[in-house]
Structure formats: C-alpha cells, structure tokens
C-alpha cells in the first residue's frame, strides 16, 4: 500500500503575529479574488484563524480594508528608492520591478481598491490617501537630492510608475518597464544638472 504525503499546510500565526498575518491574508484574498470577496470567513480561512479573531482585530469590514491598505502601502512605498534618504535619481524607482515580481499582491490589492472606489464612493478617501502617500514619499526623496518637486510633478511621476506597475501586474511581465523607468530616472537627473 502506497502512502501519499499530505499537502503542506500553512501553520496558524504565532501569538502576537495575528494582526499582521490577517492584513497579509486580506491583501492576498483581495489580490486573488477581488474586494467584494473579502469576507471575515474568507479572511479567516486564508489566515487559518477563527473569524471571531478577525472581528476582534478590526471590528468592521471598512476598518479591515483601511488597515489592509495602510499595510500594503507601507510594504510598497519603500520602492520609491533603493537608497532612501539620498535623493539619488539613479535609485528612484530602481527596485520597483523586482518589488512587484517579489510581491505582486500589494499592488494588485491597491488596484482592486482603486477600481472598486468607482462603484463605492466611500472608498475614494482611501484611494486619495494612497496616492497622497506615494506623492509625498517621492517629493521627500527628491528633496534629499536637491530636486524641488511640486504636487503636479510628483503626480506625473507617480502616474507613470503606476501605469508601468499596472501593466506588469496585468500582463505578468515587464518587458519595457526597466527601460521606461531608466528614462524617468534620466529625466530626474536632468533636473539637477
């Protein structure tokens, strides 16, 4: 008689890791199944916890969505620069493609929320906050390099990076992204010279 090894299972989060594990699971559920399928039950199943624990940590679905967005932005805002605090234009967006390849769920989650905000206006403040955070991080990083960046310029660069990330998430490859990001970095460098 042949025995079959059971499929590997994920273990439940350790004590003190529950909230972070729930946020990662929420991002994963939304990235894979859409925002409308983010339920306490689906989240509990993904995180291997009880749905009572989900309610304990977040109280409402809206609070869960807001916390998951903050979590995903925190994970991805670091991609603004591979050498944060230097203002080096060569480092701006340099690790973006690798970040998306290593962890596409954060960006897919954000796009799901952005698209759902068209149908649910109450989500728009979250989307506005998302883009404000990215613009602010870019402006701060550029200021370290002596580049004065207003809101419009930050918006243009974030929109360009956003479009490249969206294409990478949607198409599953980044054929032109590296060259396009290099172009953006050269443009930033020209502002210093």
C-alpha atoms as a PDB file:
ATOM      1  CA  UNK A   1       0.000   0.000   0.000  1.00  0.00           C
ATOM      2  CA  UNK A   2       1.405   3.358  -1.031  1.00  0.00           C
ATOM      3  CA  UNK A   3       1.019   6.308   1.248  1.00  0.00           C
ATOM      4  CA  UNK A   4       0.650   9.785  -0.081  1.00  0.00           C
ATOM      5  CA  UNK A   5       2.199  12.661   1.791  1.00  0.00           C
ATOM      6  CA  UNK A   6      -0.433  15.200   2.694  1.00  0.00           C
ATOM      7  CA  UNK A   7      -0.214  18.590   1.013  1.00  0.00           C
ATOM      8  CA  UNK A   8       1.841  21.036   3.023  1.00  0.00           C
ATOM      9  CA  UNK A   9      -0.294  23.285   5.165  1.00  0.00           C
ATOM     10  CA  UNK A  10       0.415  26.715   6.471  1.00  0.00           C
ATOM     11  CA  UNK A  11       0.575  26.997  10.187  1.00  0.00           C
ATOM     12  CA  UNK A  12      -1.505  29.421  12.162  1.00  0.00           C
ATOM     13  CA  UNK A  13       0.224  32.656  13.134  1.00  0.00           C
ATOM     14  CA  UNK A  14       2.124  32.694  16.413  1.00  0.00           C
ATOM     15  CA  UNK A  15       0.914  34.767  19.339  1.00  0.00           C
ATOM     16  CA  UNK A  16       1.425  38.457  18.633  1.00  0.00           C
ATOM     17  CA  UNK A  17       1.616  37.946  14.855  1.00  0.00           C
ATOM     18  CA  UNK A  18      -2.142  37.669  14.345  1.00  0.00           C
ATOM     19  CA  UNK A  19      -2.960  41.199  13.175  1.00  0.00           C
ATOM     20  CA  UNK A  20      -0.067  41.313  10.693  1.00  0.00           C
ATOM     21  CA  UNK A  21      -0.945  37.833   9.395  1.00  0.00           C
ATOM     22  CA  UNK A  22      -4.568  38.919   8.960  1.00  0.00           C
ATOM     23  CA  UNK A  23      -3.520  42.001   6.999  1.00  0.00           C
ATOM     24  CA  UNK A  24      -1.267  39.949   4.723  1.00  0.00           C
ATOM     25  CA  UNK A  25      -4.108  37.472   4.244  1.00  0.00           C
ATOM     26  CA  UNK A  26      -6.565  40.294   3.453  1.00  0.00           C
ATOM     27  CA  UNK A  27      -4.219  41.673   0.805  1.00  0.00           C
ATOM     28  CA  UNK A  28      -3.826  38.178  -0.653  1.00  0.00           C
ATOM     29  CA  UNK A  29      -7.588  37.491  -0.708  1.00  0.00           C
ATOM     30  CA  UNK A  30      -8.384  40.794  -2.418  1.00  0.00           C
ATOM     31  CA  UNK A  31      -5.494  40.431  -4.893  1.00  0.00           C
ATOM     32  CA  UNK A  32      -6.712  36.987  -5.907  1.00  0.00           C
ATOM     33  CA  UNK A  33     -10.482  37.221  -5.559  1.00  0.00           C
ATOM     34  CA  UNK A  34     -11.390  40.905  -5.590  1.00  0.00           C
ATOM     35  CA  UNK A  35     -12.540  43.276  -2.877  1.00  0.00           C
ATOM     36  CA  UNK A  36     -16.112  42.018  -2.979  1.00  0.00           C
ATOM     37  CA  UNK A  37     -14.924  38.582  -1.847  1.00  0.00           C
ATOM     38  CA  UNK A  38     -13.159  39.904   1.237  1.00  0.00           C
ATOM     39  CA  UNK A  39     -15.320  38.487   3.999  1.00  0.00           C
ATOM     40  CA  UNK A  40     -14.441  37.620   7.582  1.00  0.00           C
ATOM     41  CA  UNK A  41     -14.910  33.954   6.677  1.00  0.00           C
ATOM     42  CA  UNK A  42     -12.642  34.109   3.602  1.00  0.00           C
ATOM     43  CA  UNK A  43     -10.030  36.025   5.565  1.00  0.00           C
ATOM     44  CA  UNK A  44     -10.158  33.617   8.497  1.00  0.00           C
ATOM     45  CA  UNK A  45      -9.797  30.658   6.122  1.00  0.00           C
ATOM     46  CA  UNK A  46      -6.785  32.267   4.391  1.00  0.00           C
ATOM     47  CA  UNK A  47      -5.108  33.213   7.688  1.00  0.00           C
ATOM     48  CA  UNK A  48      -6.031  29.912   9.373  1.00  0.00           C
ATOM     49  CA  UNK A  49      -7.766  31.624  12.296  1.00  0.00           C
ATOM     50  CA  UNK A  50     -11.339  31.942  13.504  1.00  0.00           C
ATOM     51  CA  UNK A  51     -13.491  34.670  12.028  1.00  0.00           C
ATOM     52  CA  UNK A  52     -14.061  35.882  15.592  1.00  0.00           C
ATOM     53  CA  UNK A  53     -10.384  36.837  15.663  1.00  0.00           C
ATOM     54  CA  UNK A  54     -10.884  38.910  12.510  1.00  0.00           C
ATOM     55  CA  UNK A  55     -13.765  40.776  14.162  1.00  0.00           C
ATOM     56  CA  UNK A  56     -11.684  41.205  17.326  1.00  0.00           C
ATOM     57  CA  UNK A  57      -8.824  42.878  15.456  1.00  0.00           C
ATOM     58  CA  UNK A  58     -10.810  45.101  13.095  1.00  0.00           C
ATOM     59  CA  UNK A  59     -14.426  45.405  14.232  1.00  0.00           C
ATOM     60  CA  UNK A  60     -15.790  46.349  10.829  1.00  0.00           C
ATOM     61  CA  UNK A  61     -15.042  45.409   7.250  1.00  0.00           C
ATOM     62  CA  UNK A  62     -14.281  49.051   6.462  1.00  0.00           C
ATOM     63  CA  UNK A  63     -11.721  49.189   9.268  1.00  0.00           C
ATOM     64  CA  UNK A  64     -10.188  45.991   7.876  1.00  0.00           C
ATOM     65  CA  UNK A  65      -9.963  47.477   4.368  1.00  0.00           C
ATOM     66  CA  UNK A  66      -8.371  50.672   5.686  1.00  0.00           C
ATOM     67  CA  UNK A  67      -5.810  48.744   7.752  1.00  0.00           C
ATOM     68  CA  UNK A  68      -5.014  46.419   4.837  1.00  0.00           C
ATOM     69  CA  UNK A  69      -4.462  49.413   2.565  1.00  0.00           C
ATOM     70  CA  UNK A  70      -2.095  51.012   5.078  1.00  0.00           C
ATOM     71  CA  UNK A  71      -0.269  47.679   5.352  1.00  0.00           C
ATOM     72  CA  UNK A  72       0.097  47.294   1.575  1.00  0.00           C
ATOM     73  CA  UNK A  73       1.236  50.901   1.080  1.00  0.00           C
ATOM     74  CA  UNK A  74       3.768  50.536   3.890  1.00  0.00           C
ATOM     75  CA  UNK A  75       5.129  47.445   2.135  1.00  0.00           C
ATOM     76  CA  UNK A  76       5.421  49.142  -1.239  1.00  0.00           C
ATOM     77  CA  UNK A  77       6.232  52.802  -0.526  1.00  0.00           C
ATOM     78  CA  UNK A  78       9.817  51.755   0.153  1.00  0.00           C
ATOM     79  CA  UNK A  79      10.091  51.023  -3.562  1.00  0.00           C
ATOM     80  CA  UNK A  80      10.320  54.760  -4.235  1.00  0.00           C
ATOM     81  CA  UNK A  81      14.102  54.428  -3.850  1.00  0.00           C
ATOM     82  CA  UNK A  82      16.651  51.665  -3.436  1.00  0.00           C
ATOM     83  CA  UNK A  83      18.705  54.118  -1.340  1.00  0.00           C
ATOM     84  CA  UNK A  84      16.094  56.011   0.701  1.00  0.00           C
ATOM     85  CA  UNK A  85      17.135  59.361   2.070  1.00  0.00           C
ATOM     86  CA  UNK A  86      19.816  60.003  -0.544  1.00  0.00           C
ATOM     87  CA  UNK A  87      17.696  61.671  -3.201  1.00  0.00           C
ATOM     88  CA  UNK A  88      19.795  59.859  -5.804  1.00  0.00           C
ATOM     89  CA  UNK A  89      17.828  59.920  -9.090  1.00  0.00           C
ATOM     90  CA  UNK A  90      19.510  56.656 -10.130  1.00  0.00           C
ATOM     91  CA  UNK A  91      17.927  54.982  -7.090  1.00  0.00           C
ATOM     92  CA  UNK A  92      14.426  56.402  -7.683  1.00  0.00           C
ATOM     93  CA  UNK A  93      12.130  53.569  -8.816  1.00  0.00           C
ATOM     94  CA  UNK A  94      15.217  51.337  -9.331  1.00  0.00           C
ATOM     95  CA  UNK A  95      13.798  48.399  -7.363  1.00  0.00           C
ATOM     96  CA  UNK A  96      10.205  48.763  -8.486  1.00  0.00           C
ATOM     97  CA  UNK A  97      10.106  45.887 -10.959  1.00  0.00           C
ATOM     98  CA  UNK A  98      11.727  43.491  -8.513  1.00  0.00           C
ATOM     99  CA  UNK A  99       9.317  44.569  -5.769  1.00  0.00           C
ATOM    100  CA  UNK A 100       6.335  43.833  -7.990  1.00  0.00           C
ATOM    101  CA  UNK A 101       7.790  40.485  -9.052  1.00  0.00           C
ATOM    102  CA  UNK A 102       8.530  39.517  -5.449  1.00  0.00           C
ATOM    103  CA  UNK A 103       5.193  40.670  -4.030  1.00  0.00           C
ATOM    104  CA  UNK A 104       2.530  41.421  -6.636  1.00  0.00           C
ATOM    105  CA  UNK A 105      -0.325  41.104  -4.125  1.00  0.00           C
ATOM    106  CA  UNK A 106       0.239  44.548  -2.566  1.00  0.00           C
ATOM    107  CA  UNK A 107      -0.107  46.297  -5.909  1.00  0.00           C
ATOM    108  CA  UNK A 108      -2.981  44.064  -7.096  1.00  0.00           C
ATOM    109  CA  UNK A 109      -4.790  44.796  -3.813  1.00  0.00           C
ATOM    110  CA  UNK A 110      -4.351  48.534  -4.358  1.00  0.00           C
ATOM    111  CA  UNK A 111      -5.672  48.341  -7.931  1.00  0.00           C
ATOM    112  CA  UNK A 112      -8.686  46.330  -6.780  1.00  0.00           C
ATOM    113  CA  UNK A 113      -9.442  49.021  -4.200  1.00  0.00           C
ATOM    114  CA  UNK A 114      -8.956  51.787  -6.780  1.00  0.00           C
ATOM    115  CA  UNK A 115     -11.357  50.144  -9.229  1.00  0.00           C
ATOM    116  CA  UNK A 116     -13.925  49.362  -6.540  1.00  0.00           C
ATOM    117  CA  UNK A 117     -13.875  53.028  -5.473  1.00  0.00           C
ATOM    118  CA  UNK A 118     -15.560  53.862  -8.787  1.00  0.00           C
ATOM    119  CA  UNK A 119     -18.560  51.810  -7.662  1.00  0.00           C
ATOM    120  CA  UNK A 120     -18.308  52.652  -3.960  1.00  0.00           C
ATOM    121  CA  UNK A 121     -17.552  56.363  -3.456  1.00  0.00           C
ATOM    122  CA  UNK A 122     -16.999  55.804   0.268  1.00  0.00           C
ATOM    123  CA  UNK A 123     -13.697  54.124  -0.695  1.00  0.00           C
ATOM    124  CA  UNK A 124     -12.411  57.204  -2.556  1.00  0.00           C
ATOM    125  CA  UNK A 125     -10.835  58.815   0.513  1.00  0.00           C
ATOM    126  CA  UNK A 126      -8.702  55.664   0.882  1.00  0.00           C
ATOM    127  CA  UNK A 127      -7.598  55.901  -2.745  1.00  0.00           C
ATOM    128  CA  UNK A 128      -6.848  59.610  -2.399  1.00  0.00           C
ATOM    129  CA  UNK A 129      -4.791  58.822   0.704  1.00  0.00           C
ATOM    130  CA  UNK A 130      -2.925  56.099  -1.192  1.00  0.00           C
ATOM    131  CA  UNK A 131      -1.817  58.500  -3.918  1.00  0.00           C
ATOM    132  CA  UNK A 132      -1.080  61.314  -1.446  1.00  0.00           C
ATOM    133  CA  UNK A 133       1.245  58.944   0.405  1.00  0.00           C
ATOM    134  CA  UNK A 134       3.114  57.986  -2.762  1.00  0.00           C
ATOM    135  CA  UNK A 135       3.421  61.607  -3.930  1.00  0.00           C
ATOM    136  CA  UNK A 136       4.636  62.715  -0.521  1.00  0.00           C
ATOM    137  CA  UNK A 137       7.232  59.924  -0.352  1.00  0.00           C
ATOM    138  CA  UNK A 138       8.528  60.827  -3.811  1.00  0.00           C
ATOM    139  CA  UNK A 139       8.677  64.555  -3.025  1.00  0.00           C
ATOM    140  CA  UNK A 140      10.521  63.861   0.217  1.00  0.00           C
ATOM    141  CA  UNK A 141      13.019  61.582  -1.511  1.00  0.00           C
ATOM    142  CA  UNK A 142      13.671  64.068  -4.303  1.00  0.00           C
ATOM    143  CA  UNK A 143      14.146  66.880  -1.767  1.00  0.00           C
ATOM    144  CA  UNK A 144      17.031  64.879  -0.269  1.00  0.00           C
ATOM    145  CA  UNK A 145      18.711  65.167  -3.674  1.00  0.00           C
ATOM    146  CA  UNK A 146      18.031  68.864  -4.057  1.00  0.00           C
ATOM    147  CA  UNK A 147      15.226  68.413  -6.580  1.00  0.00           C
ATOM    148  CA  UNK A 148      12.267  70.659  -5.912  1.00  0.00           C
ATOM    149  CA  UNK A 149       9.167  68.679  -6.767  1.00  0.00           C
ATOM    150  CA  UNK A 150       5.685  70.166  -6.617  1.00  0.00           C
ATOM    151  CA  UNK A 151       2.435  68.190  -6.439  1.00  0.00           C
ATOM    152  CA  UNK A 152       1.936  68.215 -10.217  1.00  0.00           C
ATOM    153  CA  UNK A 153       5.401  66.858 -10.948  1.00  0.00           C
ATOM    154  CA  UNK A 154       5.028  64.198  -8.227  1.00  0.00           C
ATOM    155  CA  UNK A 155       1.630  63.277  -9.662  1.00  0.00           C
ATOM    156  CA  UNK A 156       3.123  62.856 -13.144  1.00  0.00           C
ATOM    157  CA  UNK A 157       5.950  60.593 -11.943  1.00  0.00           C
ATOM    158  CA  UNK A 158       3.705  58.515  -9.693  1.00  0.00           C
ATOM    159  CA  UNK A 159       1.158  58.155 -12.519  1.00  0.00           C
ATOM    160  CA  UNK A 160       3.892  56.952 -14.877  1.00  0.00           C
ATOM    161  CA  UNK A 161       5.193  54.422 -12.342  1.00  0.00           C
ATOM    162  CA  UNK A 162       1.611  53.410 -11.522  1.00  0.00           C
ATOM    163  CA  UNK A 163       0.884  52.668 -15.180  1.00  0.00           C
ATOM    164  CA  UNK A 164       4.035  50.573 -15.520  1.00  0.00           C
ATOM    165  CA  UNK A 165       3.194  48.588 -12.389  1.00  0.00           C
ATOM    166  CA  UNK A 166      -0.388  48.077 -13.580  1.00  0.00           C
ATOM    167  CA  UNK A 167       0.832  46.695 -16.902  1.00  0.00           C
ATOM    168  CA  UNK A 168       3.270  44.402 -15.118  1.00  0.00           C
ATOM    169  CA  UNK A 169       0.523  43.092 -12.822  1.00  0.00           C
ATOM    170  CA  UNK A 170      -1.989  42.694 -15.661  1.00  0.00           C
ATOM    171  CA  UNK A 171       0.346  41.219 -18.277  1.00  0.00           C
ATOM    172  CA  UNK A 172       2.635  39.290 -15.962  1.00  0.00           C
ATOM    173  CA  UNK A 173       5.841  40.608 -17.475  1.00  0.00           C
ATOM    174  CA  UNK A 174       7.883  43.777 -17.504  1.00  0.00           C
ATOM    175  CA  UNK A 175       9.430  43.774 -20.974  1.00  0.00           C
ATOM    176  CA  UNK A 176       9.648  47.566 -21.367  1.00  0.00           C
ATOM    177  CA  UNK A 177       9.385  48.652 -17.758  1.00  0.00           C
ATOM    178  CA  UNK A 178      13.089  48.663 -16.958  1.00  0.00           C
ATOM    179  CA  UNK A 179      13.803  50.906 -19.961  1.00  0.00           C
ATOM    180  CA  UNK A 180      10.842  53.162 -19.163  1.00  0.00           C
ATOM    181  CA  UNK A 181      11.941  53.539 -15.543  1.00  0.00           C
ATOM    182  CA  UNK A 182      15.505  54.286 -16.669  1.00  0.00           C
ATOM    183  CA  UNK A 183      14.036  57.022 -18.868  1.00  0.00           C
ATOM    184  CA  UNK A 184      12.200  58.514 -15.870  1.00  0.00           C
ATOM    185  CA  UNK A 185      15.416  58.421 -13.827  1.00  0.00           C
ATOM    186  CA  UNK A 186      17.375  60.178 -16.612  1.00  0.00           C
ATOM    187  CA  UNK A 187      14.706  62.866 -16.704  1.00  0.00           C
ATOM    188  CA  UNK A 188      15.015  63.348 -12.934  1.00  0.00           C
ATOM    189  CA  UNK A 189      18.796  63.551 -13.270  1.00  0.00           C
ATOM    190  CA  UNK A 190      18.423  66.268 -15.903  1.00  0.00           C
ATOM    191  CA  UNK A 191      16.551  68.397 -13.372  1.00  0.00           C
ATOM    192  CA  UNK A 192      19.661  68.512 -11.181  1.00  0.00           C
ATOM    193  CA  UNK A 193      22.146  69.331 -13.925  1.00  0.00           C
END
